[in-house]
């Protein structure tokens, strides 16, 4: 028997249910795994999926955050939910298919939502291994902070500590309850190229959890100053370093 499966980080199933319905009608997968459903089980659009032919639904929901679901045309036999790192977050659900689904061999489908960042062993392939066996990221910039532009500073206008440092434009999160990013940070490096620290360089675009601007990328002018683009305001700013200027009164 042919078995088709689709996985989709939907980022709010209720907000995008019409898009999901359009996809299902076009593709008709046997099983659809959804992550970041962002609703409690009672608020899941169960009737809509059943009208689309998906009678079998397994849920592990959470209000406004995380949440996973498996919707299936085929009947499953059992479900299971796991937690990780002692956190009660709705990030996992599995379903077991067998004779009821007319499969020749039993099949367990694990649906996981894995956020960015953190050292969490894989529940299946991580057994017997340590995270220390693998190459770790050079630096972590925050989940959903959306780092877009990254430039080494090779000019001489800014203080010497910034020479050869990495300037990073974090566009900022758009779907977090408490937004992060929306700034310029600078990664200061050790002589061997490793990251010594990451420090804020330009802030003020995110105030009271609302964006006043969203940095995208930067470029250096010949004099060593920075051009910074902001697609929230449709603007380009020039950032220079020198004596403070005071407007004439």
Protein backbone atom coordinates (compact mmCIF):
# COMPACT_ATOMS: atom_id res chain seq x y z
CA UNK A 1 0.00 0.00 0.00
CA UNK A 2 1.26 3.48 -0.89
CA UNK A 3 1.50 5.82 2.12
CA UNK A 4 1.86 9.60 1.74
CA UNK A 5 2.70 12.05 4.51
CA UNK A 6 3.07 15.83 4.62
CA UNK A 7 4.55 17.86 7.48
CA UNK A 8 3.85 21.59 7.86
CA UNK A 9 4.86 24.18 10.43
CA UNK A 10 1.53 25.95 10.12
CA UNK A 11 2.02 28.73 12.71
CA UNK A 12 -1.66 28.90 13.80
CA UNK A 13 -3.96 26.33 12.28
CA UNK A 14 -7.08 28.43 12.88
CA UNK A 15 -5.58 31.44 11.12
CA UNK A 16 -4.58 29.37 8.08
CA UNK A 17 -7.35 26.75 7.93
CA UNK A 18 -8.53 27.93 4.51
CA UNK A 19 -4.99 27.59 3.15
CA UNK A 20 -4.74 24.12 4.68
CA UNK A 21 -8.06 23.11 3.11
CA UNK A 22 -6.87 24.30 -0.31
CA UNK A 23 -3.67 22.30 0.05
CA UNK A 24 -5.47 19.14 1.20
CA UNK A 25 -7.88 19.26 -1.73
CA UNK A 26 -4.97 19.57 -4.16
CA UNK A 27 -2.52 17.05 -2.64
CA UNK A 28 -4.66 14.65 -0.55
CA UNK A 29 -1.92 13.21 1.70
CA UNK A 30 -2.87 10.23 3.82
CA UNK A 31 -1.43 11.93 6.91
CA UNK A 32 -0.79 15.59 7.65
CA UNK A 33 1.51 16.53 10.57
CA UNK A 34 1.10 20.10 11.83
CA UNK A 35 3.41 22.04 14.15
CA UNK A 36 2.80 25.30 16.00
CA UNK A 37 -0.97 24.85 15.88
CA UNK A 38 -1.18 27.44 18.67
CA UNK A 39 -4.54 26.44 20.12
CA UNK A 40 -5.90 24.20 22.84
CA UNK A 41 -7.43 20.90 21.79
CA UNK A 42 -11.01 22.14 22.21
CA UNK A 43 -10.35 25.05 19.83
CA UNK A 44 -8.84 22.92 17.06
CA UNK A 45 -10.95 23.09 13.82
CA UNK A 46 -11.82 19.41 14.05
CA UNK A 47 -15.12 19.57 12.13
CA UNK A 48 -13.45 21.27 9.17
CA UNK A 49 -10.86 18.52 8.86
CA UNK A 50 -13.50 15.82 9.11
CA UNK A 51 -15.49 17.43 6.33
CA UNK A 52 -12.31 17.23 4.26
CA UNK A 53 -12.13 13.48 4.87
CA UNK A 54 -9.70 13.37 7.78
CA UNK A 55 -11.66 11.54 10.46
CA UNK A 56 -8.72 10.56 12.65
CA UNK A 57 -7.09 13.40 14.57
CA UNK A 58 -4.53 13.25 17.39
CA UNK A 59 -3.90 16.49 19.29
CA UNK A 60 -1.43 17.93 21.75
CA UNK A 61 -2.42 21.57 21.87
CA UNK A 62 -1.33 24.62 23.80
CA UNK A 63 -2.90 28.05 23.92
CA UNK A 64 -1.13 30.57 21.66
CA UNK A 65 2.15 28.67 21.75
CA UNK A 66 3.62 25.45 20.33
CA UNK A 67 1.04 22.71 19.73
CA UNK A 68 1.19 19.71 17.38
CA UNK A 69 -1.44 17.63 15.60
CA UNK A 70 -1.68 14.61 13.33
CA UNK A 71 -4.71 14.47 11.02
CA UNK A 72 -5.20 11.28 9.05
CA UNK A 73 -7.47 9.60 6.55
CA UNK A 74 -6.23 6.28 7.91
CA UNK A 75 -7.21 4.97 11.35
CA UNK A 76 -4.40 4.75 13.90
CA UNK A 77 -4.26 2.38 16.82
CA UNK A 78 -2.46 4.22 19.61
CA UNK A 79 -1.07 7.67 20.43
CA UNK A 80 1.76 8.84 22.65
CA UNK A 81 2.96 12.20 23.98
CA UNK A 82 6.48 12.89 25.25
CA UNK A 83 8.06 15.84 27.03
CA UNK A 84 11.69 16.90 26.91
CA UNK A 85 14.11 18.60 29.32
CA UNK A 86 11.46 18.58 32.08
CA UNK A 87 9.39 21.16 30.19
CA UNK A 88 5.66 20.63 29.83
CA UNK A 89 5.43 22.07 26.34
CA UNK A 90 3.20 20.68 23.59
CA UNK A 91 5.96 19.79 21.13
CA UNK A 92 5.38 16.09 20.42
CA UNK A 93 2.72 13.57 19.52
CA UNK A 94 3.04 10.19 17.85
CA UNK A 95 0.53 7.82 16.29
CA UNK A 96 0.92 4.12 15.55
CA UNK A 97 -0.57 2.66 12.38
CA UNK A 98 -1.10 -1.05 11.87
CA UNK A 99 -3.73 -3.49 10.66
CA UNK A 100 -6.55 -0.95 10.84
CA UNK A 101 -4.71 1.14 8.26
CA UNK A 102 -4.08 -1.94 6.13
CA UNK A 103 -0.32 -1.56 6.35
CA UNK A 104 1.88 -4.58 5.83
CA UNK A 105 4.14 -3.55 8.74
CA UNK A 106 3.44 -1.38 11.83
CA UNK A 107 4.42 2.24 11.43
CA UNK A 108 4.90 4.90 14.13
CA UNK A 109 4.85 8.54 13.04
CA UNK A 110 6.46 11.03 15.43
CA UNK A 111 5.41 14.66 14.95
CA UNK A 112 7.85 17.05 16.63
CA UNK A 113 8.15 20.79 16.88
CA UNK A 114 11.79 21.61 17.56
CA UNK A 115 12.48 25.30 18.24
CA UNK A 116 15.69 27.04 17.29
CA UNK A 117 18.56 26.87 19.77
CA UNK A 118 19.37 24.66 22.72
CA UNK A 119 21.21 21.38 23.03
CA UNK A 120 18.49 18.72 23.10
CA UNK A 121 19.39 15.13 22.16
CA UNK A 122 17.29 13.66 19.36
CA UNK A 123 14.79 11.25 20.99
CA UNK A 124 15.50 8.54 18.41
CA UNK A 125 19.01 9.07 17.05
CA UNK A 126 20.49 10.71 20.14
CA UNK A 127 20.66 7.59 22.27
CA UNK A 128 24.25 6.75 23.17
CA UNK A 129 25.55 10.10 21.97
CA UNK A 130 26.46 13.37 23.61
CA UNK A 131 25.88 16.82 22.15
CA UNK A 132 29.61 17.36 22.69
CA UNK A 133 30.33 14.90 19.87
CA UNK A 134 28.98 17.34 17.29
CA UNK A 135 29.98 20.78 16.07
CA UNK A 136 28.11 23.42 18.02
CA UNK A 137 27.00 26.74 16.52
CA UNK A 138 29.56 29.49 16.71
CA UNK A 139 26.99 31.73 18.42
CA UNK A 140 23.29 31.74 19.20
CA UNK A 141 21.38 34.86 18.25
CA UNK A 142 17.99 34.04 19.75
CA UNK A 143 14.99 32.07 18.44
CA UNK A 144 13.09 33.82 15.64
CA UNK A 145 15.35 36.88 15.89
CA UNK A 146 15.73 36.61 12.08
CA UNK A 147 19.36 37.66 11.52
CA UNK A 148 19.42 38.81 7.89
CA UNK A 149 22.45 40.98 7.13
CA UNK A 150 25.96 40.21 8.39
CA UNK A 151 29.09 42.25 7.58
CA UNK A 152 32.68 42.32 8.80
CA UNK A 153 33.80 45.82 9.67
CA UNK A 154 36.95 46.73 7.75
CA UNK A 155 36.74 50.52 8.04
CA UNK A 156 38.50 52.85 10.46
CA UNK A 157 35.85 55.39 11.51
CA UNK A 158 34.50 53.29 14.38
CA UNK A 159 36.68 52.60 17.46
CA UNK A 160 39.42 50.01 17.01
CA UNK A 161 37.60 47.35 19.03
CA UNK A 162 35.11 47.04 16.16
CA UNK A 163 37.71 46.38 13.46
CA UNK A 164 37.12 42.92 11.91
CA UNK A 165 34.09 42.43 14.17
CA UNK A 166 30.85 41.10 12.68
CA UNK A 167 27.86 43.42 12.58
CA UNK A 168 24.54 41.56 12.41
CA UNK A 169 21.11 42.99 11.54
CA UNK A 170 18.38 41.14 13.44
CA UNK A 171 15.12 41.78 11.60
CA UNK A 172 13.17 40.62 14.64
CA UNK A 173 10.53 38.04 15.41
CA UNK A 174 7.03 38.47 14.03
CA UNK A 175 5.07 35.65 15.66
CA UNK A 176 6.29 35.62 19.26
CA UNK A 177 4.22 36.85 22.18
CA UNK A 178 7.28 38.72 23.44
CA UNK A 179 9.23 39.91 20.41
CA UNK A 180 13.01 39.83 20.24
CA UNK A 181 15.50 41.27 17.79
CA UNK A 182 14.85 44.38 15.75
CA UNK A 183 18.37 45.66 16.39
CA UNK A 184 22.00 45.61 15.34
CA UNK A 185 24.35 43.47 17.39
CA UNK A 186 28.08 43.11 17.01
CA UNK A 187 30.05 39.89 17.46
CA UNK A 188 33.49 40.67 18.87
CA UNK A 189 36.05 38.04 17.95
CA UNK A 190 39.06 36.45 19.59
CA UNK A 191 42.37 36.34 17.69
CA UNK A 192 41.59 32.76 16.60
CA UNK A 193 38.28 33.83 15.06
CA UNK A 194 36.00 32.47 17.79
CA UNK A 195 33.26 34.69 19.19
CA UNK A 196 34.28 36.47 22.38
CA UNK A 197 30.98 38.22 22.98
CA UNK A 198 27.86 39.53 21.27
CA UNK A 199 26.87 43.04 22.27
CA UNK A 200 24.11 45.47 21.27
CA UNK A 201 25.18 48.20 18.86
CA UNK A 202 21.94 49.89 17.77
CA UNK A 203 18.70 49.48 19.70
CA UNK A 204 15.42 51.38 19.96
CA UNK A 205 13.56 49.80 17.05
CA UNK A 206 11.51 47.65 19.44
CA UNK A 207 9.68 49.54 22.19
CA UNK A 208 6.92 48.15 24.42
CA UNK A 209 6.81 45.02 22.24
CA UNK A 210 6.04 47.13 19.15
CA UNK A 211 8.32 47.79 16.19
CA UNK A 212 9.36 51.31 15.30
CA UNK A 213 11.70 49.92 12.65
CA UNK A 214 13.09 46.59 11.41
CA UNK A 215 16.74 46.44 10.27
CA UNK A 216 17.48 44.33 7.19
CA UNK A 217 21.08 44.75 6.04
CA UNK A 218 24.03 47.10 6.09
CA UNK A 219 26.81 48.29 3.83
CA UNK A 220 29.98 50.24 4.51
CA UNK A 221 30.89 53.53 2.86
CA UNK A 222 34.46 54.43 1.97
CA UNK A 223 34.72 56.72 5.00
CA UNK A 224 33.92 53.77 7.32
CA UNK A 225 30.37 54.78 8.15
CA UNK A 226 27.46 52.37 7.95
CA UNK A 227 24.40 52.43 5.71
CA UNK A 228 21.53 50.55 7.36
CA UNK A 229 18.29 49.59 5.59
CA UNK A 230 14.93 49.43 7.40
CA UNK A 231 12.04 47.82 5.49
CA UNK A 232 9.49 48.79 8.16
CA UNK A 233 9.87 52.48 7.36
CA UNK A 234 11.31 52.13 3.85
CA UNK A 235 14.39 54.03 4.98
CA UNK A 236 18.17 53.91 4.81
CA UNK A 237 20.15 55.40 7.71
CA UNK A 238 23.78 56.49 7.82
CA UNK A 239 25.59 55.75 11.09
CA UNK A 240 28.85 57.54 11.72
CA UNK A 241 31.20 57.93 14.68
CA UNK A 242 32.75 61.13 15.93
CA UNK A 243 32.19 64.09 18.23
CA UNK A 244 28.60 64.61 19.28
CA UNK A 245 26.74 67.27 17.30
CA UNK A 246 24.25 69.63 18.86
CA UNK A 247 21.62 71.37 16.82
CA UNK A 248 21.85 75.14 16.78
CA UNK A 249 19.34 76.91 19.02
